[in-house]
Protein backbone atom coordinates (compact mmCIF):
# COMPACT_ATOMS: atom_id res chain seq x y z
CA MET A 1 31.85 31.85 21.75
CA SER A 2 32.62 28.88 19.14
CA LYS A 3 35.02 29.75 16.49
CA LEU A 4 32.53 30.25 13.79
CA ILE A 5 31.10 32.96 11.47
CA HIS A 6 27.20 32.56 11.38
CA LEU A 7 26.20 33.39 7.88
CA LEU A 8 22.68 34.82 7.19
CA GLN A 9 21.67 35.31 3.63
CA LEU A 10 18.80 37.70 3.44
CA GLY A 11 18.30 38.27 -0.14
CA ARG A 12 16.88 41.77 -1.54
CA ILE A 13 15.58 43.71 1.24
CA SER A 14 14.88 47.41 1.83
CA TYR A 15 17.72 49.60 3.33
CA PRO A 16 15.84 50.27 6.55
CA GLU A 17 14.63 46.74 6.86
CA GLY A 18 18.60 45.69 6.38
CA LEU A 19 19.59 48.46 9.13
CA ARG A 20 16.74 47.02 11.46
CA ILE A 21 18.21 43.58 11.25
CA MET A 22 21.92 44.45 11.50
CA ASN A 23 21.20 46.72 14.40
CA GLU A 24 19.31 43.75 16.11
CA VAL A 25 22.22 41.33 15.55
CA VAL A 26 24.63 44.13 16.84
CA ARG A 27 22.73 44.46 20.11
CA ALA A 28 22.74 40.48 20.41
CA ARG A 29 26.56 40.38 19.75
CA LYS A 30 27.40 42.99 22.38
CA ALA A 31 25.15 41.14 25.04
CA GLY A 32 26.94 37.79 24.13
CA ARG A 33 23.97 36.12 22.68
CA VAL A 34 25.33 35.42 19.21
CA GLY A 35 28.70 34.83 17.71
CA ASP A 36 30.22 36.70 14.95
CA THR A 37 27.88 36.89 12.05
CA LEU A 38 28.13 38.06 8.42
CA LEU A 39 24.79 39.23 6.75
CA LEU A 40 24.86 39.07 2.96
CA LEU A 41 21.93 40.91 1.28
CA GLU A 42 20.89 43.29 -1.65
CA HIS A 43 19.19 46.47 -1.69
CA PRO A 44 17.03 48.31 -3.94
CA PRO A 45 18.71 51.58 -5.14
CA VAL A 46 19.83 53.58 -2.41
CA LEU A 47 22.20 56.42 -1.60
CA THR A 48 23.84 56.35 2.02
CA LEU A 49 25.79 59.08 3.43
CA GLY A 50 28.87 58.17 5.91
CA ARG A 51 30.07 60.18 8.83
CA ASN A 52 32.61 62.17 6.61
CA SER A 53 30.25 62.80 3.60
CA THR A 54 28.94 66.04 1.88
CA ARG A 55 25.71 66.35 0.26
CA ALA A 56 28.00 68.09 -2.55
CA ASN A 57 29.04 64.67 -3.68
CA ILE A 58 25.28 63.80 -4.61
CA LEU A 59 25.15 65.13 -8.29
CA ALA A 60 21.53 64.08 -9.09
CA THR A 61 18.86 66.43 -7.66
CA ASP A 62 16.45 65.49 -5.14
CA HIS A 63 13.81 65.56 -7.59
CA ALA A 64 15.57 63.28 -10.08
CA LEU A 65 16.25 60.77 -7.26
CA ALA A 66 12.62 61.02 -6.04
CA ASN A 67 11.41 60.15 -9.47
CA LYS A 68 13.37 57.04 -9.80
CA GLY A 69 12.30 56.01 -5.93
CA VAL A 70 15.94 56.39 -4.53
CA GLU A 71 15.94 57.22 -0.94
CA ILE A 72 18.78 59.07 0.93
CA HIS A 73 20.03 57.69 4.43
CA GLU A 74 22.39 59.28 6.83
CA ILE A 75 24.16 56.73 8.69
CA ASN A 76 27.05 56.26 11.27
CA ARG A 77 29.54 54.20 9.30
CA GLY A 78 32.72 55.87 8.21
CA GLY A 79 33.34 57.03 4.65
CA ASP A 80 31.59 59.40 2.14
CA VAL A 81 28.49 58.88 -0.12
CA THR A 82 28.00 55.41 -1.35
CA TYR A 83 25.38 53.82 -3.74
CA HIS A 84 23.50 50.49 -3.18
CA GLY A 85 21.29 48.92 -5.82
CA PRO A 86 20.43 45.46 -7.62
CA GLY A 87 23.22 43.41 -8.77
CA GLN A 88 25.54 44.77 -5.84
CA LEU A 89 26.41 42.25 -2.77
CA VAL A 90 26.31 44.11 0.24
CA GLY A 91 27.73 42.54 3.51
CA TYR A 92 27.43 43.31 7.16
CA PRO A 93 30.16 41.55 9.28
CA ILE A 94 29.09 41.97 12.95
CA PHE A 95 32.40 40.91 14.68
CA ASP A 96 33.82 41.18 18.23
CA LEU A 97 37.13 42.75 17.74
CA ARG A 98 38.20 41.38 21.05
CA GLY A 99 37.83 37.68 19.74
CA ALA A 100 40.71 35.57 18.30
CA LEU A 101 41.20 37.35 15.27
CA PRO A 102 44.34 37.29 12.82
CA GLY A 103 46.87 40.09 13.43
CA LYS A 104 45.51 40.99 16.87
CA LYS A 105 48.43 42.34 18.90
CA GLY A 106 46.29 43.95 21.99
CA PRO A 107 43.22 43.40 23.60
CA HIS A 108 41.18 44.13 20.36
CA LEU A 109 41.92 44.19 16.62
CA GLY A 110 42.15 47.70 15.34
CA PRO A 111 39.60 48.97 13.10
CA VAL A 112 42.02 49.70 10.15
CA ASP A 113 43.34 45.93 10.57
CA PHE A 114 39.78 44.71 10.38
CA VAL A 115 39.15 46.71 7.44
CA ARG A 116 42.33 45.22 5.83
CA LEU A 117 41.14 41.83 6.48
CA MET A 118 37.96 42.53 4.81
CA GLU A 119 39.62 43.96 1.66
CA GLU A 120 41.73 40.71 1.52
CA ALA A 121 38.61 38.51 1.45
CA LEU A 122 37.21 40.63 -1.15
CA ILE A 123 40.28 40.47 -3.18
CA LEU A 124 40.19 36.66 -2.86
CA THR A 125 36.53 36.79 -4.02
CA CYS A 126 37.49 38.79 -7.24
CA LYS A 127 40.33 36.40 -7.64
CA ASP A 128 37.97 33.51 -7.63
CA PHE A 129 36.24 34.84 -10.88
CA GLY A 130 39.48 35.83 -12.60
CA ALA A 131 39.30 39.25 -11.76
CA PRO A 132 42.56 40.62 -10.25
CA ALA A 133 42.21 43.03 -7.51
CA GLN A 134 44.32 45.10 -5.33
CA ARG A 135 44.32 47.66 -2.36
CA ILE A 136 45.67 51.31 -3.00
CA CYS A 137 47.35 52.93 -0.36
CA LYS A 138 45.15 55.51 1.54
CA ARG A 139 42.05 54.66 -0.67
CA THR A 140 39.88 52.10 1.21
CA GLY A 141 38.24 49.29 -0.45
CA VAL A 142 39.11 47.09 -3.35
CA TRP A 143 40.33 48.24 -6.75
CA THR A 144 41.41 46.81 -10.09
CA TYR A 145 44.77 47.16 -11.55
CA ALA A 146 45.55 50.03 -13.77
CA GLY A 147 46.33 49.01 -17.45
CA GLY A 148 47.79 51.47 -19.87
CA SER A 149 45.96 54.79 -19.92
CA VAL A 150 43.29 53.26 -17.87
CA PRO A 151 43.55 53.96 -14.38
CA GLU A 152 42.26 51.72 -11.43
CA LYS A 153 38.69 51.47 -10.87
CA LYS A 154 36.84 50.68 -7.62
CA ILE A 155 35.03 47.18 -7.65
CA ALA A 156 34.05 47.24 -3.70
CA ALA A 157 33.64 49.90 -1.53
CA ILE A 158 34.01 49.46 2.52
CA GLY A 159 32.58 51.67 5.58
CA VAL A 160 32.41 50.34 8.99
CA HIS A 161 31.25 51.49 12.41
CA VAL A 162 32.78 50.10 15.66
CA SER A 163 30.81 50.41 19.07
CA GLN A 164 31.88 48.65 22.19
CA ALA A 165 34.30 46.75 20.06
CA ILE A 166 31.60 45.48 17.85
CA THR A 167 31.54 46.17 14.04
CA SER A 168 28.71 47.02 11.89
CA HIS A 169 28.16 48.21 8.20
CA GLY A 170 30.69 46.52 6.07
CA PHE A 171 31.30 46.30 2.23
CA ALA A 172 29.53 46.61 -1.21
CA LEU A 173 30.87 44.46 -4.23
CA ASN A 174 29.59 45.28 -7.47
CA VAL A 175 28.69 42.15 -9.23
CA ASN A 176 26.32 42.88 -11.95
CA THR A 177 25.33 46.35 -10.83
CA ASP A 178 24.03 49.00 -13.63
CA LEU A 179 27.05 51.20 -13.25
CA ARG A 180 25.19 54.11 -14.75
CA ASP A 181 23.40 54.56 -11.32
CA PHE A 182 26.80 55.56 -9.79
CA ASP A 183 26.49 58.67 -11.98
CA TRP A 184 24.14 60.01 -9.36
CA ILE A 185 27.04 60.60 -6.95
CA VAL A 186 30.75 61.17 -6.65
CA PRO A 187 31.52 57.58 -5.12
CA CYS A 188 33.08 57.68 -2.00
CA GLY A 189 33.96 61.22 -2.75
CA ILE A 190 36.74 60.15 -5.15
CA ALA A 191 36.19 62.12 -8.44
CA ASP A 192 39.23 61.05 -10.45
CA ARG A 193 38.61 57.14 -10.40
CA GLY A 194 35.60 55.24 -11.98
CA VAL A 195 33.87 52.00 -10.56
CA THR A 196 33.53 48.72 -12.18
CA SER A 197 31.89 45.19 -11.60
CA LEU A 198 32.81 41.59 -11.41
CA GLU A 199 30.53 41.07 -14.52
CA LEU A 200 32.85 43.64 -16.51
CA GLU A 201 36.17 42.43 -14.98
CA SER A 202 35.79 38.64 -14.94
CA PRO A 203 36.61 36.79 -18.30
CA ARG A 204 34.05 34.16 -17.05
CA ASN A 205 31.31 33.48 -19.68
CA PRO A 206 28.51 33.48 -18.32
CA ALA A 207 29.35 36.18 -15.81
CA PRO A 208 29.25 35.72 -12.11
CA THR A 209 25.76 35.70 -10.44
CA LEU A 210 25.14 37.36 -7.10
CA GLU A 211 24.78 34.08 -5.39
CA GLU A 212 27.91 32.93 -6.66
CA ALA A 213 29.74 36.01 -5.46
CA ALA A 214 27.90 35.69 -2.11
CA ASN A 215 28.99 32.23 -1.68
CA SER A 216 32.66 33.06 -2.66
CA ALA A 217 32.69 36.10 -0.11
CA ALA A 218 31.45 33.72 2.61
CA ARG A 219 33.94 31.25 2.00
CA ASN A 220 36.83 33.80 1.80
CA PHE A 221 35.76 35.60 5.08
CA GLY A 222 36.12 32.21 6.64
CA ARG A 223 39.46 31.70 4.98
CA VAL A 224 40.77 35.15 6.09
CA PHE A 225 39.57 35.49 9.70
CA ASN A 226 40.28 31.59 9.89
CA LEU A 227 36.87 30.90 11.00
CA GLN A 228 34.43 28.15 10.17
CA VAL A 229 31.37 29.61 8.27
CA LEU A 230 27.93 28.01 9.46
CA ALA A 231 24.82 29.03 7.45
CA THR A 232 21.87 29.83 9.27
CA HIS A 233 18.24 30.25 7.54
CA SER A 234 16.65 33.11 9.40
CA LEU A 235 16.95 35.93 11.93
CA GLU A 236 15.00 33.96 14.50
CA THR A 237 17.24 31.01 14.12
CA LEU A 238 20.26 32.96 14.79
CA LEU A 239 18.98 34.54 17.66
CA ALA A 240 17.49 31.45 19.32
CA CYS A 241 20.22 29.09 18.63
CA ASN A 242 23.43 31.00 19.19
CA HIS A 243 24.05 31.28 22.77
CA GLY A 244 27.40 32.02 24.46
């Protein structure tokens, strides 16, 4: 495969439709019919439960969620419960860990090392908008810095799945998300830290838009993974044109 990240921006689509497209690209990646691909999208309000999750971390009742039209999906990524909704940039990097990726020491890049590279790309994305961000040891994702009596807050959640060395699922970066929706859950099972967004953390006026954040994230994935980013306009074009 050429040393590219194929970028497909899908806009706002339902969670089941996003999973369908992601799984179709995963199958194509496993078969060698496409190269490494980054899907960027936005979902209507939805809660997802990872492999390590517990329903106890959903605080809202099923009745309350149903009244708001919020679906719950149990999925195979790592991590606990996560919220997706409008104003949040969701990214599904579908990469082959056996490829020429930075930091690879054996036949494939380890999943934890892959997550660290994703975190780095998102830290750089936050930095593009003047929002300092960091990793925190043993707490996956991207966090703000503590200030005085204010503890760190999570600005991006990460949860991945790896099958036959191919990654799926990925990250959720709060851009201009309504953070009140996180009151429905204990985000990622972490009760002692809150969440925030680029809108709140960036000094920029006007605040960053979802489109600007998506373009920044795409550039920074290319920068961190040392791959050229090539935009494609549709799933059909992606599957038809990117042969190995």
